[in-house]
Structures are given as C-alpha cells and as structure tokens.
Amino acid sequence: QVHGQMRKNVTKTESPRLELLPRDLIWTILDYLPQALFDLRLTSSKLRSHVDNYAYHSRQSSIVERLGIFSRTDVINFWID
C-alpha cells in the first residue's frame, strides 16, 4: 500500500523511442537505412505508418535498381534511374 491506497501494478508495453521523434527526423533516418525498412515496419503500427508514408512519398531513390524477368524464350531487364 502507498499512503493508504493499494498500488496498482500496471503493465505497459513501451513504444519504441524512435516513435517519439518527429516525422521529418524519422524520414531522414530512413534515408540512411533503406535496407531496414521492412524490418522497421514490424516494430509497431506507428512506425509501419511512417515507413509506408515514407515509401509512398519516395524521398530517396528506389530500393530496386534493377529488375530482371526471365522466361524460356526472352530475357527482359528493367533499370530504374
């Protein structure tokens, strides 16, 4: 008891501290870590939203630079500049 009242044990799942940063700062960090985007999306719903918006607005060059599609008869290559 604390001062005559029962103390409640509250279990709270802490949010990643990265969530507390302003969007522009998070996006700047994402500019430097494009390989971590997919893993970061799994961290929390708020970070998933940040990553999705970041990808939608595409502030940086694409993650995919070259895409090849192969068939038995043709080879098709796409380049993203």
PDB file of N, CA and C in Angstrom:
ATOM      1  N   GLN A   1       0.828  -1.184   0.000  1.00  0.00           N
ATOM      2  CA  GLN A   1       0.000   0.000   0.000  1.00  0.00           C
ATOM      3  C   GLN A   1       0.874   1.250   0.000  1.00  0.00           C
ATOM      4  N   VAL A   2       0.402   2.245  -0.690  1.00  0.00           N
ATOM      5  CA  VAL A   2       1.088   3.527  -0.741  1.00  0.00           C
ATOM      6  C   VAL A   2       0.119   4.578  -0.243  1.00  0.00           C
ATOM      7  N   HIS A   3       0.418   5.182   0.911  1.00  0.00           N
ATOM      8  CA  HIS A   3      -0.434   6.209   1.515  1.00  0.00           C
ATOM      9  C   HIS A   3      -1.888   5.758   1.628  1.00  0.00           C
ATOM     10  N   GLY A   4      -2.088   4.542   2.120  1.00  0.00           N
ATOM     11  CA  GLY A   4      -3.429   4.058   2.377  1.00  0.00           C
ATOM     12  C   GLY A   4      -4.171   3.544   1.154  1.00  0.00           C
ATOM     13  N   GLN A   5      -3.579   3.604  -0.006  1.00  0.00           N
ATOM     14  CA  GLN A   5      -4.238   3.105  -1.215  1.00  0.00           C
ATOM     15  C   GLN A   5      -3.443   1.923  -1.746  1.00  0.00           C
ATOM     16  N   MET A   6      -4.148   1.019  -2.352  1.00  0.00           N
ATOM     17  CA  MET A   6      -3.447  -0.105  -2.961  1.00  0.00           C
ATOM     18  C   MET A   6      -2.740   0.375  -4.219  1.00  0.00           C
ATOM     19  N   ARG A   7      -1.522  -0.040  -4.314  1.00  0.00           N
ATOM     20  CA  ARG A   7      -0.755   0.315  -5.505  1.00  0.00           C
ATOM     21  C   ARG A   7      -1.112  -0.663  -6.613  1.00  0.00           C
ATOM     22  N   LYS A   8      -1.422  -0.152  -7.769  1.00  0.00           N
ATOM     23  CA  LYS A   8      -1.780  -0.999  -8.901  1.00  0.00           C
ATOM     24  C   LYS A   8      -0.532  -1.278  -9.725  1.00  0.00           C
ATOM     25  N   ASN A   9      -0.364  -2.529 -10.074  1.00  0.00           N
ATOM     26  CA  ASN A   9       0.713  -2.884 -10.991  1.00  0.00           C
ATOM     27  C   ASN A   9       0.175  -2.759 -12.399  1.00  0.00           C
ATOM     28  N   VAL A  10       0.693  -1.829 -13.099  1.00  0.00           N
ATOM     29  CA  VAL A  10       0.241  -1.599 -14.466  1.00  0.00           C
ATOM     30  C   VAL A  10       1.332  -2.086 -15.400  1.00  0.00           C
ATOM     31  N   THR A  11       0.975  -3.022 -16.231  1.00  0.00           N
ATOM     32  CA  THR A  11       1.945  -3.465 -17.224  1.00  0.00           C
ATOM     33  C   THR A  11       1.675  -2.699 -18.499  1.00  0.00           C
ATOM     34  N   LYS A  12       2.661  -2.032 -18.938  1.00  0.00           N
ATOM     35  CA  LYS A  12       2.527  -1.213 -20.138  1.00  0.00           C
ATOM     36  C   LYS A  12       3.593  -1.640 -21.125  1.00  0.00           C
ATOM     37  N   THR A  13       3.187  -1.876 -22.342  1.00  0.00           N
ATOM     38  CA  THR A  13       4.148  -2.173 -23.383  1.00  0.00           C
ATOM     39  C   THR A  13       4.727  -0.855 -23.856  1.00  0.00           C
ATOM     40  N   GLU A  14       6.014  -0.709 -23.681  1.00  0.00           N
ATOM     41  CA  GLU A  14       6.643   0.548 -24.077  1.00  0.00           C
ATOM     42  C   GLU A  14       6.767   0.630 -25.587  1.00  0.00           C
ATOM     43  N   SER A  15       6.504   1.808 -26.091  1.00  0.00           N
ATOM     44  CA  SER A  15       6.667   2.052 -27.517  1.00  0.00           C
ATOM     45  C   SER A  15       8.139   2.273 -27.810  1.00  0.00           C
ATOM     46  N   PRO A  16       8.581   1.903 -28.997  1.00  0.00           N
ATOM     47  CA  PRO A  16       9.966   2.194 -29.364  1.00  0.00           C
ATOM     48  C   PRO A  16      10.214   3.703 -29.293  1.00  0.00           C
ATOM     49  N   ARG A  17      11.345   4.093 -28.763  1.00  0.00           N
ATOM     50  CA  ARG A  17      11.653   5.519 -28.620  1.00  0.00           C
ATOM     51  C   ARG A  17      11.711   6.218 -29.975  1.00  0.00           C
ATOM     52  N   LEU A  18      11.996   5.473 -31.007  1.00  0.00           N
ATOM     53  CA  LEU A  18      12.036   6.052 -32.350  1.00  0.00           C
ATOM     54  C   LEU A  18      10.690   6.668 -32.719  1.00  0.00           C
ATOM     55  N   GLU A  19       9.608   6.099 -32.196  1.00  0.00           N
ATOM     56  CA  GLU A  19       8.264   6.625 -32.472  1.00  0.00           C
ATOM     57  C   GLU A  19       8.083   8.052 -31.980  1.00  0.00           C
ATOM     58  N   LEU A  20       8.835   8.432 -30.978  1.00  0.00           N
ATOM     59  CA  LEU A  20       8.668   9.744 -30.360  1.00  0.00           C
ATOM     60  C   LEU A  20       9.301  10.869 -31.173  1.00  0.00           C
ATOM     61  N   LEU A  21      10.118  10.518 -32.149  1.00  0.00           N
ATOM     62  CA  LEU A  21      10.784  11.531 -32.967  1.00  0.00           C
ATOM     63  C   LEU A  21       9.811  12.144 -33.969  1.00  0.00           C
ATOM     64  N   PRO A  22      10.057  13.379 -34.384  1.00  0.00           N
ATOM     65  CA  PRO A  22       9.229  13.993 -35.432  1.00  0.00           C
ATOM     66  C   PRO A  22       9.370  13.227 -36.753  1.00  0.00           C
ATOM     67  N   ARG A  23       8.317  13.274 -37.544  1.00  0.00           N
ATOM     68  CA  ARG A  23       8.289  12.540 -38.812  1.00  0.00           C
ATOM     69  C   ARG A  23       9.481  12.859 -39.705  1.00  0.00           C
ATOM     70  N   ASP A  24       9.812  14.131 -39.842  1.00  0.00           N
ATOM     71  CA  ASP A  24      10.916  14.500 -40.729  1.00  0.00           C
ATOM     72  C   ASP A  24      12.240  13.898 -40.279  1.00  0.00           C
ATOM     73  N   LEU A  25      12.443  13.793 -38.992  1.00  0.00           N
ATOM     74  CA  LEU A  25      13.671  13.190 -38.487  1.00  0.00           C
ATOM     75  C   LEU A  25      13.675  11.683 -38.732  1.00  0.00           C
ATOM     76  N   ILE A  26      12.520  11.051 -38.542  1.00  0.00           N
ATOM     77  CA  ILE A  26      12.412   9.617 -38.836  1.00  0.00           C
ATOM     78  C   ILE A  26      12.689   9.372 -40.314  1.00  0.00           C
ATOM     79  N   TRP A  27      12.134  10.204 -41.184  1.00  0.00           N
ATOM     80  CA  TRP A  27      12.348  10.033 -42.616  1.00  0.00           C
ATOM     81  C   TRP A  27      13.808  10.243 -42.983  1.00  0.00           C
ATOM     82  N   THR A  28      14.480  11.162 -42.323  1.00  0.00           N
ATOM     83  CA  THR A  28      15.903  11.373 -42.583  1.00  0.00           C
ATOM     84  C   THR A  28      16.695  10.134 -42.182  1.00  0.00           C
ATOM     85  N   ILE A  29      16.328   9.533 -41.068  1.00  0.00           N
ATOM     86  CA  ILE A  29      16.979   8.288 -40.648  1.00  0.00           C
ATOM     87  C   ILE A  29      16.722   7.199 -41.678  1.00  0.00           C
ATOM     88  N   LEU A  30      15.499   7.118 -42.180  1.00  0.00           N
ATOM     89  CA  LEU A  30      15.162   6.104 -43.185  1.00  0.00           C
ATOM     90  C   LEU A  30      15.951   6.305 -44.475  1.00  0.00           C
ATOM     91  N   ASP A  31      16.296   7.555 -44.790  1.00  0.00           N
ATOM     92  CA  ASP A  31      17.135   7.817 -45.963  1.00  0.00           C
ATOM     93  C   ASP A  31      18.458   7.066 -45.874  1.00  0.00           C
ATOM     94  N   TYR A  32      18.979   6.932 -44.670  1.00  0.00           N
ATOM     95  CA  TYR A  32      20.270   6.282 -44.464  1.00  0.00           C
ATOM     96  C   TYR A  32      20.159   4.782 -44.239  1.00  0.00           C
ATOM     97  N   LEU A  33      18.957   4.275 -44.026  1.00  0.00           N
ATOM     98  CA  LEU A  33      18.766   2.854 -43.722  1.00  0.00           C
ATOM     99  C   LEU A  33      17.703   2.198 -44.589  1.00  0.00           C
ATOM    100  N   PRO A  34      17.762   2.334 -45.901  1.00  0.00           N
ATOM    101  CA  PRO A  34      16.690   1.750 -46.724  1.00  0.00           C
ATOM    102  C   PRO A  34      16.594   0.235 -46.594  1.00  0.00           C
ATOM    103  N   GLN A  35      17.697  -0.430 -46.271  1.00  0.00           N
ATOM    104  CA  GLN A  35      17.660  -1.884 -46.133  1.00  0.00           C
ATOM    105  C   GLN A  35      16.893  -2.325 -44.887  1.00  0.00           C
ATOM    106  N   ALA A  36      16.637  -1.410 -43.957  1.00  0.00           N
ATOM    107  CA  ALA A  36      15.942  -1.758 -42.712  1.00  0.00           C
ATOM    108  C   ALA A  36      14.445  -1.458 -42.759  1.00  0.00           C
ATOM    109  N   LEU A  37      13.952  -0.947 -43.873  1.00  0.00           N
ATOM    110  CA  LEU A  37      12.547  -0.535 -43.941  1.00  0.00           C
ATOM    111  C   LEU A  37      11.582  -1.667 -43.617  1.00  0.00           C
ATOM    112  N   PHE A  38      11.817  -2.830 -44.182  1.00  0.00           N
ATOM    113  CA  PHE A  38      10.870  -3.933 -44.000  1.00  0.00           C
ATOM    114  C   PHE A  38      10.845  -4.406 -42.544  1.00  0.00           C
ATOM    115  N   ASP A  39      12.020  -4.496 -41.920  1.00  0.00           N
ATOM    116  CA  ASP A  39      12.068  -4.908 -40.516  1.00  0.00           C
ATOM    117  C   ASP A  39      11.471  -3.842 -39.609  1.00  0.00           C
ATOM    118  N   LEU A  40      11.721  -2.591 -39.920  1.00  0.00           N
ATOM    119  CA  LEU A  40      11.210  -1.499 -39.100  1.00  0.00           C
ATOM    120  C   LEU A  40       9.685  -1.451 -39.121  1.00  0.00           C
ATOM    121  N   ARG A  41       9.082  -1.837 -40.229  1.00  0.00           N
ATOM    122  CA  ARG A  41       7.614  -1.863 -40.328  1.00  0.00           C
ATOM    123  C   ARG A  41       6.996  -2.808 -39.306  1.00  0.00           C
ATOM    124  N   LEU A  42       7.742  -3.837 -38.919  1.00  0.00           N
ATOM    125  CA  LEU A  42       7.216  -4.840 -37.993  1.00  0.00           C
ATOM    126  C   LEU A  42       7.309  -4.406 -36.533  1.00  0.00           C
ATOM    127  N   THR A  43       7.966  -3.294 -36.268  1.00  0.00           N
ATOM    128  CA  THR A  43       8.211  -2.844 -34.901  1.00  0.00           C
ATOM    129  C   THR A  43       6.947  -2.356 -34.210  1.00  0.00           C
ATOM    130  N   SER A  44       6.163  -1.537 -34.887  1.00  0.00           N
ATOM    131  CA  SER A  44       4.927  -1.014 -34.291  1.00  0.00           C
ATOM    132  C   SER A  44       4.037  -0.463 -35.393  1.00  0.00           C
ATOM    133  N   SER A  45       2.781  -0.245 -35.054  1.00  0.00           N
ATOM    134  CA  SER A  45       1.854   0.280 -36.065  1.00  0.00           C
ATOM    135  C   SER A  45       2.211   1.719 -36.447  1.00  0.00           C
ATOM    136  N   LYS A  46       2.700   2.492 -35.495  1.00  0.00           N
ATOM    137  CA  LYS A  46       3.072   3.877 -35.800  1.00  0.00           C
ATOM    138  C   LYS A  46       4.282   3.925 -36.736  1.00  0.00           C
ATOM    139  N   LEU A  47       5.281   3.084 -36.470  1.00  0.00           N
ATOM    140  CA  LEU A  47       6.447   3.052 -37.358  1.00  0.00           C
ATOM    141  C   LEU A  47       6.079   2.477 -38.722  1.00  0.00           C
ATOM    142  N   ARG A  48       5.153   1.515 -38.735  1.00  0.00           N
ATOM    143  CA  ARG A  48       4.689   0.985 -40.023  1.00  0.00           C
ATOM    144  C   ARG A  48       4.064   2.105 -40.846  1.00  0.00           C
ATOM    145  N   SER A  49       3.286   2.953 -40.192  1.00  0.00           N
ATOM    146  CA  SER A  49       2.672   4.082 -40.877  1.00  0.00           C
ATOM    147  C   SER A  49       3.728   5.052 -41.404  1.00  0.00           C
ATOM    148  N   HIS A  50       4.744   5.338 -40.584  1.00  0.00           N
ATOM    149  CA  HIS A  50       5.830   6.220 -41.030  1.00  0.00           C
ATOM    150  C   HIS A  50       6.548   5.637 -42.248  1.00  0.00           C
ATOM    151  N   VAL A  51       6.868   4.349 -42.186  1.00  0.00           N
ATOM    152  CA  VAL A  51       7.591   3.704 -43.291  1.00  0.00           C
ATOM    153  C   VAL A  51       6.734   3.681 -44.546  1.00  0.00           C
ATOM    154  N   ASP A  52       5.448   3.373 -44.402  1.00  0.00           N
ATOM    155  CA  ASP A  52       4.555   3.345 -45.562  1.00  0.00           C
ATOM    156  C   ASP A  52       4.446   4.722 -46.211  1.00  0.00           C
ATOM    157  N   ASN A  53       4.292   5.752 -45.387  1.00  0.00           N
ATOM    158  CA  ASN A  53       4.222   7.113 -45.930  1.00  0.00           C
ATOM    159  C   ASN A  53       5.540   7.528 -46.565  1.00  0.00           C
ATOM    160  N   TYR A  54       6.632   7.151 -45.952  1.00  0.00           N
ATOM    161  CA  TYR A  54       7.959   7.437 -46.497  1.00  0.00           C
ATOM    162  C   TYR A  54       8.102   6.789 -47.881  1.00  0.00           C
ATOM    163  N   ALA A  55       7.734   5.516 -47.966  1.00  0.00           N
ATOM    164  CA  ALA A  55       7.848   4.801 -49.241  1.00  0.00           C
ATOM    165  C   ALA A  55       6.916   5.401 -50.290  1.00  0.00           C
ATOM    166  N   TYR A  56       5.718   5.788 -49.880  1.00  0.00           N
ATOM    167  CA  TYR A  56       4.751   6.365 -50.809  1.00  0.00           C
ATOM    168  C   TYR A  56       5.257   7.689 -51.384  1.00  0.00           C
ATOM    169  N   HIS A  57       5.852   8.504 -50.537  1.00  0.00           N
ATOM    170  CA  HIS A  57       6.339   9.807 -50.988  1.00  0.00           C
ATOM    171  C   HIS A  57       7.734   9.734 -51.591  1.00  0.00           C
ATOM    172  N   SER A  58       8.381   8.593 -51.427  1.00  0.00           N
ATOM    173  CA  SER A  58       9.631   8.264 -52.117  1.00  0.00           C
ATOM    174  C   SER A  58      10.614   9.424 -52.184  1.00  0.00           C
ATOM    175  N   ARG A  59      11.120   9.789 -51.033  1.00  0.00           N
ATOM    176  CA  ARG A  59      12.093  10.881 -50.953  1.00  0.00           C
ATOM    177  C   ARG A  59      13.456  10.460 -51.480  1.00  0.00           C
ATOM    178  N   GLN A  60      13.703   9.204 -51.548  1.00  0.00           N
ATOM    179  CA  GLN A  60      15.009   8.704 -51.961  1.00  0.00           C
ATOM    180  C   GLN A  60      14.824   7.848 -53.205  1.00  0.00           C
ATOM    181  N   SER A  61      15.924   7.493 -53.819  1.00  0.00           N
ATOM    182  CA  SER A  61      15.832   6.630 -54.986  1.00  0.00           C
ATOM    183  C   SER A  61      15.231   5.289 -54.576  1.00  0.00           C
ATOM    184  N   SER A  62      14.783   4.566 -55.541  1.00  0.00           N
ATOM    185  CA  SER A  62      14.104   3.300 -55.291  1.00  0.00           C
ATOM    186  C   SER A  62      15.035   2.281 -54.650  1.00  0.00           C
ATOM    187  N   ILE A  63      14.442   1.381 -53.890  1.00  0.00           N
ATOM    188  CA  ILE A  63      15.205   0.293 -53.298  1.00  0.00           C
ATOM    189  C   ILE A  63      15.663  -0.656 -54.398  1.00  0.00           C
ATOM    190  N   VAL A  64      14.819  -0.850 -55.398  1.00  0.00           N
ATOM    191  CA  VAL A  64      15.151  -1.734 -56.507  1.00  0.00           C
ATOM    192  C   VAL A  64      15.818  -0.911 -57.597  1.00  0.00           C
ATOM    193  N   GLU A  65      17.034  -1.276 -57.939  1.00  0.00           N
ATOM    194  CA  GLU A  65      17.740  -0.574 -59.003  1.00  0.00           C
ATOM    195  C   GLU A  65      17.642  -1.319 -60.329  1.00  0.00           C
ATOM    196  N   ARG A  66      17.568  -2.633 -60.255  1.00  0.00           N
ATOM    197  CA  ARG A  66      17.499  -3.429 -61.473  1.00  0.00           C
ATOM    198  C   ARG A  66      16.555  -4.601 -61.227  1.00  0.00           C
ATOM    199  N   LEU A  67      15.714  -4.863 -62.199  1.00  0.00           N
ATOM    200  CA  LEU A  67      14.764  -5.958 -62.096  1.00  0.00           C
ATOM    201  C   LEU A  67      14.847  -6.763 -63.377  1.00  0.00           C
ATOM    202  N   GLY A  68      15.030  -8.040 -63.252  1.00  0.00           N
ATOM    203  CA  GLY A  68      15.091  -8.901 -64.426  1.00  0.00           C
ATOM    204  C   GLY A  68      13.968  -9.924 -64.388  1.00  0.00           C
ATOM    205  N   ILE A  69      13.333 -10.127 -65.530  1.00  0.00           N
ATOM    206  CA  ILE A  69      12.285 -11.134 -65.660  1.00  0.00           C
ATOM    207  C   ILE A  69      12.744 -12.101 -66.738  1.00  0.00           C
ATOM    208  N   PHE A  70      12.816 -13.345 -66.373  1.00  0.00           N
ATOM    209  CA  PHE A  70      13.339 -14.345 -67.297  1.00  0.00           C
ATOM    210  C   PHE A  70      12.238 -15.320 -67.691  1.00  0.00           C
ATOM    211  N   SER A  71      12.221 -15.655 -68.955  1.00  0.00           N
ATOM    212  CA  SER A  71      11.322 -16.702 -69.432  1.00  0.00           C
ATOM    213  C   SER A  71      12.169 -17.664 -70.258  1.00  0.00           C
ATOM    214  N   ARG A  72      11.569 -18.686 -70.752  1.00  0.00           N
ATOM    215  CA  ARG A  72      12.328 -19.662 -71.544  1.00  0.00           C
ATOM    216  C   ARG A  72      12.803 -19.082 -72.868  1.00  0.00           C
ATOM    217  N   THR A  73      12.094 -18.087 -73.368  1.00  0.00           N
ATOM    218  CA  THR A  73      12.447 -17.558 -74.685  1.00  0.00           C
ATOM    219  C   THR A  73      13.048 -16.163 -74.647  1.00  0.00           C
ATOM    220  N   ASP A  74      12.694 -15.359 -73.670  1.00  0.00           N
ATOM    221  CA  ASP A  74      13.143 -13.965 -73.640  1.00  0.00           C
ATOM    222  C   ASP A  74      13.732 -13.603 -72.278  1.00  0.00           C
ATOM    223  N   VAL A  75      14.587 -12.620 -72.313  1.00  0.00           N
ATOM    224  CA  VAL A  75      15.096 -12.014 -71.085  1.00  0.00           C
ATOM    225  C   VAL A  75      14.730 -10.543 -71.144  1.00  0.00           C
ATOM    226  N   ILE A  76      14.031 -10.076 -70.141  1.00  0.00           N
ATOM    227  CA  ILE A  76      13.609  -8.679 -70.100  1.00  0.00           C
ATOM    228  C   ILE A  76      14.266  -8.048 -68.873  1.00  0.00           C
ATOM    229  N   ASN A  77      14.956  -6.942 -69.067  1.00  0.00           N
ATOM    230  CA  ASN A  77      15.582  -6.232 -67.957  1.00  0.00           C
ATOM    231  C   ASN A  77      14.992  -4.840 -67.848  1.00  0.00           C
ATOM    232  N   PHE A  78      14.784  -4.402 -66.622  1.00  0.00           N
ATOM    233  CA  PHE A  78      14.315  -3.047 -66.356  1.00  0.00           C
ATOM    234  C   PHE A  78      15.359  -2.348 -65.503  1.00  0.00           C
ATOM    235  N   TRP A  79      15.636  -1.112 -65.822  1.00  0.00           N
ATOM    236  CA  TRP A  79      16.534  -0.315 -64.999  1.00  0.00           C
ATOM    237  C   TRP A  79      15.773   0.886 -64.497  1.00  0.00           C
ATOM    238  N   ILE A  80      15.970   1.203 -63.258  1.00  0.00           N
ATOM    239  CA  ILE A  80      15.327   2.365 -62.667  1.00  0.00           C
ATOM    240  C   ILE A  80      16.402   3.404 -62.425  1.00  0.00           C
ATOM    241  N   ASP A  81      16.252   4.565 -63.037  1.00  0.00           N
ATOM    242  CA  ASP A  81      17.250   5.622 -62.868  1.00  0.00           C
ATOM    243  C   ASP A  81      16.764   6.657 -61.902  1.00  0.00           C
TER     244      ASP A  81
END
